[in-house]
Amino acid sequence: MPSTMVPTATAIDHSLRSMGFDLTSFLKSVDVQTVGVLALLLFAGVLLFDLFNYGYSAYSGNTSTYASYGRSLITSAAHVWDERDQQGLHSDGRGSRNLDSTTQILDSLAKAVLKYEELADNVVQN
């Protein structure tokens, strides 16, 4: 962690321990299988919600205005990642050896999503 984050992390950990919550023991006791099942259920819920919305828009006869909820979530996440400096989400991990490859991957994914959205918008407008 950068040296500016260490006092903040220590203060947060001390505050949580004073309230009787130990973060390290909580993270050690997290059941990975339960987290995976919950993530899968969340994904299935978004997919079903998208299918229901598309079915309703097809029923009402205006599928041209349909926008996928999952697609807009991904696009919103890409916009937030791309504009993180302007929104105050400074990447303190940038430049650190541990997170350098992760930030490069997230940069590439955000650029790909935004490029795809730009191409899809151009096709619709023409």
N, C-alpha and C. Protein backbone atom coordinates (compact mmCIF):
# COMPACT_ATOMS: atom_id res chain seq x y z
N MET A 1 0.84 -1.18 0.00
CA MET A 1 0.00 0.00 0.00
C MET A 1 0.88 1.24 0.00
N PRO A 2 0.42 2.29 -0.63
CA PRO A 2 1.18 3.54 -0.56
C PRO A 2 1.25 4.03 0.88
N SER A 3 2.28 4.78 1.19
CA SER A 3 2.51 5.21 2.56
C SER A 3 1.39 6.10 3.09
N THR A 4 0.64 6.77 2.21
CA THR A 4 -0.45 7.61 2.68
C THR A 4 -1.67 6.79 3.10
N MET A 5 -1.78 5.57 2.61
CA MET A 5 -2.92 4.73 2.92
C MET A 5 -2.73 3.94 4.21
N VAL A 6 -1.50 3.72 4.65
CA VAL A 6 -1.24 2.89 5.81
C VAL A 6 -1.86 3.47 7.08
N PRO A 7 -1.69 4.76 7.40
CA PRO A 7 -2.34 5.28 8.60
C PRO A 7 -3.87 5.20 8.53
N THR A 8 -4.43 5.41 7.35
CA THR A 8 -5.88 5.34 7.20
C THR A 8 -6.37 3.92 7.42
N ALA A 9 -5.68 2.95 6.81
CA ALA A 9 -6.07 1.54 6.98
C ALA A 9 -5.92 1.11 8.43
N THR A 10 -4.86 1.55 9.09
CA THR A 10 -4.65 1.21 10.50
C THR A 10 -5.74 1.82 11.37
N ALA A 11 -6.12 3.06 11.08
CA ALA A 11 -7.18 3.72 11.86
C ALA A 11 -8.52 3.01 11.67
N ILE A 12 -8.81 2.61 10.45
CA ILE A 12 -10.07 1.90 10.19
C ILE A 12 -10.07 0.55 10.91
N ASP A 13 -8.95 -0.18 10.84
CA ASP A 13 -8.86 -1.47 11.50
C ASP A 13 -8.99 -1.31 13.00
N HIS A 14 -8.36 -0.30 13.58
CA HIS A 14 -8.45 -0.06 15.03
C HIS A 14 -9.88 0.31 15.43
N SER A 15 -10.55 1.12 14.62
CA SER A 15 -11.93 1.49 14.91
C SER A 15 -12.86 0.29 14.86
N LEU A 16 -12.67 -0.56 13.86
CA LEU A 16 -13.52 -1.75 13.75
C LEU A 16 -13.28 -2.71 14.91
N ARG A 17 -12.02 -2.86 15.32
CA ARG A 17 -11.72 -3.75 16.45
C ARG A 17 -12.27 -3.20 17.75
N SER A 18 -12.30 -1.87 17.90
CA SER A 18 -12.86 -1.30 19.13
C SER A 18 -14.37 -1.51 19.21
N MET A 19 -15.01 -1.71 18.05
CA MET A 19 -16.45 -2.00 18.04
C MET A 19 -16.71 -3.51 18.08
N GLY A 20 -15.66 -4.31 18.17
CA GLY A 20 -15.81 -5.75 18.28
C GLY A 20 -15.86 -6.48 16.96
N PHE A 21 -15.39 -5.87 15.90
CA PHE A 21 -15.40 -6.49 14.58
C PHE A 21 -13.97 -6.62 14.09
N ASP A 22 -13.51 -7.87 13.94
CA ASP A 22 -12.16 -8.12 13.47
C ASP A 22 -12.20 -8.46 11.99
N LEU A 23 -11.66 -7.58 11.17
CA LEU A 23 -11.73 -7.71 9.72
C LEU A 23 -10.96 -8.93 9.22
N THR A 24 -9.79 -9.20 9.78
CA THR A 24 -9.00 -10.34 9.30
C THR A 24 -9.68 -11.66 9.58
N SER A 25 -10.27 -11.81 10.76
CA SER A 25 -10.97 -13.08 11.05
C SER A 25 -12.22 -13.21 10.20
N PHE A 26 -12.87 -12.08 9.87
CA PHE A 26 -14.04 -12.12 8.99
C PHE A 26 -13.66 -12.59 7.59
N LEU A 27 -12.56 -12.04 7.07
CA LEU A 27 -12.13 -12.42 5.72
C LEU A 27 -11.67 -13.86 5.66
N LYS A 28 -11.10 -14.37 6.75
CA LYS A 28 -10.68 -15.77 6.79
C LYS A 28 -11.88 -16.71 6.87
N SER A 29 -12.98 -16.24 7.43
CA SER A 29 -14.14 -17.10 7.61
C SER A 29 -15.16 -16.99 6.48
N VAL A 30 -14.90 -16.17 5.45
CA VAL A 30 -15.84 -16.02 4.34
C VAL A 30 -15.89 -17.32 3.55
N ASP A 31 -17.10 -17.79 3.31
CA ASP A 31 -17.29 -19.01 2.54
C ASP A 31 -17.32 -18.64 1.06
N VAL A 32 -16.29 -19.07 0.33
CA VAL A 32 -16.14 -18.72 -1.08
C VAL A 32 -17.28 -19.32 -1.91
N GLN A 33 -17.73 -20.50 -1.54
CA GLN A 33 -18.81 -21.14 -2.28
C GLN A 33 -20.10 -20.33 -2.16
N THR A 34 -20.40 -19.82 -0.99
CA THR A 34 -21.60 -19.02 -0.80
C THR A 34 -21.52 -17.72 -1.59
N VAL A 35 -20.36 -17.09 -1.59
CA VAL A 35 -20.18 -15.86 -2.36
C VAL A 35 -20.36 -16.14 -3.85
N GLY A 36 -19.82 -17.26 -4.33
CA GLY A 36 -19.97 -17.64 -5.73
C GLY A 36 -21.42 -17.90 -6.10
N VAL A 37 -22.15 -18.59 -5.23
CA VAL A 37 -23.56 -18.86 -5.49
C VAL A 37 -24.36 -17.56 -5.52
N LEU A 38 -24.07 -16.66 -4.59
CA LEU A 38 -24.77 -15.36 -4.58
C LEU A 38 -24.48 -14.55 -5.83
N ALA A 39 -23.22 -14.58 -6.30
CA ALA A 39 -22.88 -13.87 -7.53
C ALA A 39 -23.61 -14.48 -8.72
N LEU A 40 -23.69 -15.80 -8.75
CA LEU A 40 -24.41 -16.48 -9.83
C LEU A 40 -25.90 -16.14 -9.80
N LEU A 41 -26.49 -16.10 -8.62
CA LEU A 41 -27.90 -15.72 -8.49
C LEU A 41 -28.14 -14.28 -8.91
N LEU A 42 -27.21 -13.40 -8.58
CA LEU A 42 -27.33 -12.01 -9.01
C LEU A 42 -27.26 -11.90 -10.53
N PHE A 43 -26.34 -12.62 -11.14
CA PHE A 43 -26.23 -12.63 -12.60
C PHE A 43 -27.50 -13.17 -13.23
N ALA A 44 -28.04 -14.26 -12.69
CA ALA A 44 -29.27 -14.84 -13.21
C ALA A 44 -30.44 -13.87 -13.04
N GLY A 45 -30.47 -13.15 -11.92
CA GLY A 45 -31.53 -12.16 -11.70
C GLY A 45 -31.49 -11.03 -12.71
N VAL A 46 -30.29 -10.54 -13.01
CA VAL A 46 -30.16 -9.47 -14.01
C VAL A 46 -30.56 -10.00 -15.38
N LEU A 47 -30.18 -11.23 -15.70
CA LEU A 47 -30.55 -11.83 -16.98
C LEU A 47 -32.06 -11.99 -17.11
N LEU A 48 -32.71 -12.48 -16.06
CA LEU A 48 -34.17 -12.62 -16.09
C LEU A 48 -34.86 -11.26 -16.18
N PHE A 49 -34.33 -10.28 -15.48
CA PHE A 49 -34.89 -8.93 -15.54
C PHE A 49 -34.78 -8.38 -16.96
N ASP A 50 -33.64 -8.60 -17.60
CA ASP A 50 -33.46 -8.18 -18.99
C ASP A 50 -34.44 -8.88 -19.92
N LEU A 51 -34.59 -10.18 -19.75
CA LEU A 51 -35.52 -10.93 -20.60
C LEU A 51 -36.96 -10.45 -20.40
N PHE A 52 -37.34 -10.19 -19.16
CA PHE A 52 -38.69 -9.69 -18.88
C PHE A 52 -38.90 -8.33 -19.53
N ASN A 53 -37.92 -7.44 -19.40
CA ASN A 53 -38.04 -6.11 -20.01
C ASN A 53 -38.10 -6.18 -21.52
N TYR A 54 -37.30 -7.06 -22.12
CA TYR A 54 -37.33 -7.20 -23.57
C TYR A 54 -38.68 -7.77 -24.02
N GLY A 55 -39.19 -8.74 -23.28
CA GLY A 55 -40.50 -9.30 -23.60
C GLY A 55 -41.59 -8.27 -23.51
N TYR A 56 -41.53 -7.42 -22.49
CA TYR A 56 -42.54 -6.37 -22.35
C TYR A 56 -42.43 -5.35 -23.49
N SER A 57 -41.19 -4.97 -23.84
CA SER A 57 -41.04 -3.99 -24.93
C SER A 57 -41.47 -4.60 -26.26
N ALA A 58 -41.24 -5.90 -26.46
CA ALA A 58 -41.71 -6.56 -27.69
C ALA A 58 -43.23 -6.63 -27.70
N TYR A 59 -43.83 -6.89 -26.55
CA TYR A 59 -45.29 -6.96 -26.44
C TYR A 59 -45.93 -5.60 -26.72
N SER A 60 -45.29 -4.53 -26.21
CA SER A 60 -45.85 -3.20 -26.42
C SER A 60 -45.47 -2.62 -27.78
N GLY A 61 -44.59 -3.29 -28.52
CA GLY A 61 -44.29 -2.90 -29.89
C GLY A 61 -43.21 -1.86 -30.07
N ASN A 62 -42.42 -1.60 -29.06
CA ASN A 62 -41.34 -0.62 -29.21
C ASN A 62 -40.01 -1.20 -28.76
N THR A 63 -39.53 -2.20 -29.48
CA THR A 63 -38.24 -2.81 -29.15
C THR A 63 -37.06 -1.93 -29.53
N SER A 64 -37.30 -0.90 -30.34
CA SER A 64 -36.19 -0.03 -30.73
C SER A 64 -35.69 0.81 -29.56
N THR A 65 -36.53 1.02 -28.55
CA THR A 65 -36.11 1.82 -27.39
C THR A 65 -35.59 0.94 -26.25
N TYR A 66 -35.59 -0.37 -26.44
CA TYR A 66 -35.13 -1.28 -25.39
C TYR A 66 -33.63 -1.13 -25.16
N ALA A 67 -33.23 -1.05 -23.91
CA ALA A 67 -31.81 -1.02 -23.55
C ALA A 67 -31.59 -2.04 -22.44
N SER A 68 -30.67 -2.93 -22.65
CA SER A 68 -30.38 -3.98 -21.68
C SER A 68 -29.85 -3.39 -20.38
N TYR A 69 -30.39 -3.86 -19.26
CA TYR A 69 -29.94 -3.37 -17.96
C TYR A 69 -28.50 -3.82 -17.70
N GLY A 70 -28.17 -5.06 -18.04
CA GLY A 70 -26.81 -5.55 -17.84
C GLY A 70 -25.81 -4.80 -18.69
N ARG A 71 -26.21 -4.51 -19.92
CA ARG A 71 -25.31 -3.76 -20.81
C ARG A 71 -25.07 -2.35 -20.28
N SER A 72 -26.12 -1.71 -19.76
CA SER A 72 -25.91 -0.37 -19.23
C SER A 72 -25.09 -0.39 -17.94
N LEU A 73 -25.17 -1.49 -17.17
CA LEU A 73 -24.32 -1.61 -15.99
C LEU A 73 -22.85 -1.69 -16.39
N ILE A 74 -22.57 -2.49 -17.42
CA ILE A 74 -21.19 -2.64 -17.89
C ILE A 74 -20.68 -1.32 -18.47
N THR A 75 -21.52 -0.66 -19.26
CA THR A 75 -21.12 0.62 -19.84
C THR A 75 -20.88 1.67 -18.76
N SER A 76 -21.75 1.70 -17.76
CA SER A 76 -21.57 2.66 -16.66
C SER A 76 -20.28 2.39 -15.91
N ALA A 77 -19.99 1.11 -15.66
CA ALA A 77 -18.74 0.76 -14.97
C ALA A 77 -17.53 1.17 -15.80
N ALA A 78 -17.61 0.99 -17.11
CA ALA A 78 -16.49 1.39 -17.99
C ALA A 78 -16.31 2.91 -17.98
N HIS A 79 -17.42 3.67 -17.98
CA HIS A 79 -17.32 5.13 -17.92
C HIS A 79 -16.71 5.59 -16.59
N VAL A 80 -17.13 4.96 -15.50
CA VAL A 80 -16.59 5.32 -14.18
C VAL A 80 -15.10 5.01 -14.12
N TRP A 81 -14.69 3.85 -14.64
CA TRP A 81 -13.27 3.49 -14.62
C TRP A 81 -12.47 4.43 -15.50
N ASP A 82 -13.02 4.79 -16.66
CA ASP A 82 -12.32 5.65 -17.59
C ASP A 82 -12.16 7.07 -17.05
N GLU A 83 -13.14 7.53 -16.29
CA GLU A 83 -13.13 8.90 -15.77
C GLU A 83 -12.90 8.94 -14.26
N ARG A 84 -12.16 7.97 -13.72
CA ARG A 84 -11.98 7.88 -12.28
C ARG A 84 -11.22 9.06 -11.70
N ASP A 85 -10.31 9.66 -12.45
CA ASP A 85 -9.56 10.80 -11.92
C ASP A 85 -10.45 12.03 -11.80
N GLN A 86 -11.34 12.25 -12.76
CA GLN A 86 -12.25 13.40 -12.72
C GLN A 86 -13.31 13.23 -11.63
N GLN A 87 -13.62 12.00 -11.26
CA GLN A 87 -14.66 11.76 -10.28
C GLN A 87 -14.11 11.58 -8.87
N GLY A 88 -12.83 11.78 -8.69
CA GLY A 88 -12.23 11.69 -7.37
C GLY A 88 -11.88 10.28 -6.95
N LEU A 89 -11.90 9.34 -7.86
CA LEU A 89 -11.53 7.96 -7.56
C LEU A 89 -10.10 7.72 -7.99
N HIS A 90 -9.19 8.44 -7.38
CA HIS A 90 -7.79 8.37 -7.77
C HIS A 90 -7.26 6.97 -7.54
N SER A 91 -6.51 6.50 -8.47
CA SER A 91 -5.96 5.16 -8.39
C SER A 91 -4.63 5.22 -7.64
N ASP A 92 -4.70 5.01 -6.31
CA ASP A 92 -3.48 5.00 -5.52
C ASP A 92 -2.64 3.76 -5.81
N GLY A 93 -3.27 2.73 -6.37
CA GLY A 93 -2.55 1.52 -6.70
C GLY A 93 -1.76 1.63 -7.99
N ARG A 94 -2.04 2.65 -8.81
CA ARG A 94 -1.32 2.79 -10.07
C ARG A 94 0.14 3.07 -9.76
N GLY A 95 0.99 2.33 -10.41
CA GLY A 95 2.42 2.47 -10.16
C GLY A 95 2.94 1.43 -9.19
N SER A 96 2.04 0.81 -8.43
CA SER A 96 2.50 -0.24 -7.54
C SER A 96 2.65 -1.53 -8.34
N ARG A 97 3.60 -2.33 -7.99
CA ARG A 97 3.88 -3.53 -8.77
C ARG A 97 2.76 -4.55 -8.62
N ASN A 98 2.07 -4.58 -7.49
CA ASN A 98 1.02 -5.57 -7.27
C ASN A 98 -0.20 -5.33 -8.14
N LEU A 99 -0.58 -4.09 -8.34
CA LEU A 99 -1.82 -3.77 -9.04
C LEU A 99 -1.61 -3.28 -10.45
N ASP A 100 -0.38 -3.20 -10.90
CA ASP A 100 -0.10 -2.64 -12.22
C ASP A 100 -0.74 -3.46 -13.33
N SER A 101 -0.63 -4.76 -13.28
CA SER A 101 -1.22 -5.60 -14.33
C SER A 101 -2.74 -5.55 -14.27
N THR A 102 -3.30 -5.46 -13.07
CA THR A 102 -4.75 -5.38 -12.93
C THR A 102 -5.29 -4.08 -13.51
N THR A 103 -4.63 -2.98 -13.24
CA THR A 103 -5.11 -1.70 -13.79
C THR A 103 -4.97 -1.67 -15.30
N GLN A 104 -3.93 -2.31 -15.84
CA GLN A 104 -3.79 -2.37 -17.30
C GLN A 104 -4.92 -3.19 -17.92
N ILE A 105 -5.30 -4.28 -17.27
CA ILE A 105 -6.40 -5.11 -17.76
C ILE A 105 -7.71 -4.34 -17.69
N LEU A 106 -7.96 -3.66 -16.58
CA LEU A 106 -9.20 -2.89 -16.45
C LEU A 106 -9.24 -1.72 -17.43
N ASP A 107 -8.08 -1.09 -17.69
CA ASP A 107 -8.02 -0.03 -18.71
C ASP A 107 -8.39 -0.59 -20.07
N SER A 108 -7.85 -1.74 -20.42
CA SER A 108 -8.13 -2.35 -21.73
C SER A 108 -9.60 -2.74 -21.85
N LEU A 109 -10.17 -3.33 -20.78
CA LEU A 109 -11.58 -3.71 -20.81
C LEU A 109 -12.48 -2.49 -20.95
N ALA A 110 -12.17 -1.42 -20.23
CA ALA A 110 -12.99 -0.21 -20.31
C ALA A 110 -12.92 0.39 -21.71
N LYS A 111 -11.72 0.43 -22.29
CA LYS A 111 -11.58 0.96 -23.66
C LYS A 111 -12.35 0.12 -24.66
N ALA A 112 -12.31 -1.21 -24.50
CA ALA A 112 -13.03 -2.10 -25.42
C ALA A 112 -14.53 -1.90 -25.32
N VAL A 113 -15.04 -1.79 -24.10
CA VAL A 113 -16.49 -1.59 -23.91
C VAL A 113 -16.92 -0.26 -24.51
N LEU A 114 -16.16 0.79 -24.25
CA LEU A 114 -16.52 2.11 -24.78
C LEU A 114 -16.42 2.15 -26.30
N LYS A 115 -15.43 1.46 -26.85
CA LYS A 115 -15.30 1.41 -28.31
C LYS A 115 -16.47 0.64 -28.92
N TYR A 116 -16.86 -0.47 -28.30
CA TYR A 116 -18.00 -1.24 -28.78
C TYR A 116 -19.29 -0.42 -28.72
N GLU A 117 -19.48 0.31 -27.62
CA GLU A 117 -20.67 1.14 -27.47
C GLU A 117 -20.71 2.24 -28.53
N GLU A 118 -19.54 2.81 -28.82
CA GLU A 118 -19.46 3.86 -29.83
C GLU A 118 -19.83 3.30 -31.21
N LEU A 119 -19.32 2.09 -31.52
CA LEU A 119 -19.65 1.46 -32.79
C LEU A 119 -21.14 1.11 -32.87
N ALA A 120 -21.70 0.62 -31.77
CA ALA A 120 -23.11 0.25 -31.77
C ALA A 120 -23.98 1.49 -31.91
N ASP A 121 -23.60 2.60 -31.29
CA ASP A 121 -24.37 3.85 -31.41
C ASP A 121 -24.30 4.38 -32.83
N ASN A 122 -23.15 4.27 -33.49
CA ASN A 122 -23.02 4.75 -34.86
C ASN A 122 -23.88 3.95 -35.83
N VAL A 123 -23.99 2.67 -35.60
CA VAL A 123 -24.81 1.82 -36.47
C VAL A 123 -26.28 2.20 -36.33
N VAL A 124 -26.71 2.47 -35.10
CA VAL A 124 -28.11 2.82 -34.86
C VAL A 124 -28.43 4.18 -35.45
N GLN A 125 -27.51 5.13 -35.38
CA GLN A 125 -27.78 6.48 -35.86
C GLN A 125 -27.81 6.54 -37.37
N ASN A 126 -27.07 5.72 -38.07
CA ASN A 126 -27.01 5.79 -39.54
C ASN A 126 -28.22 5.28 -40.17
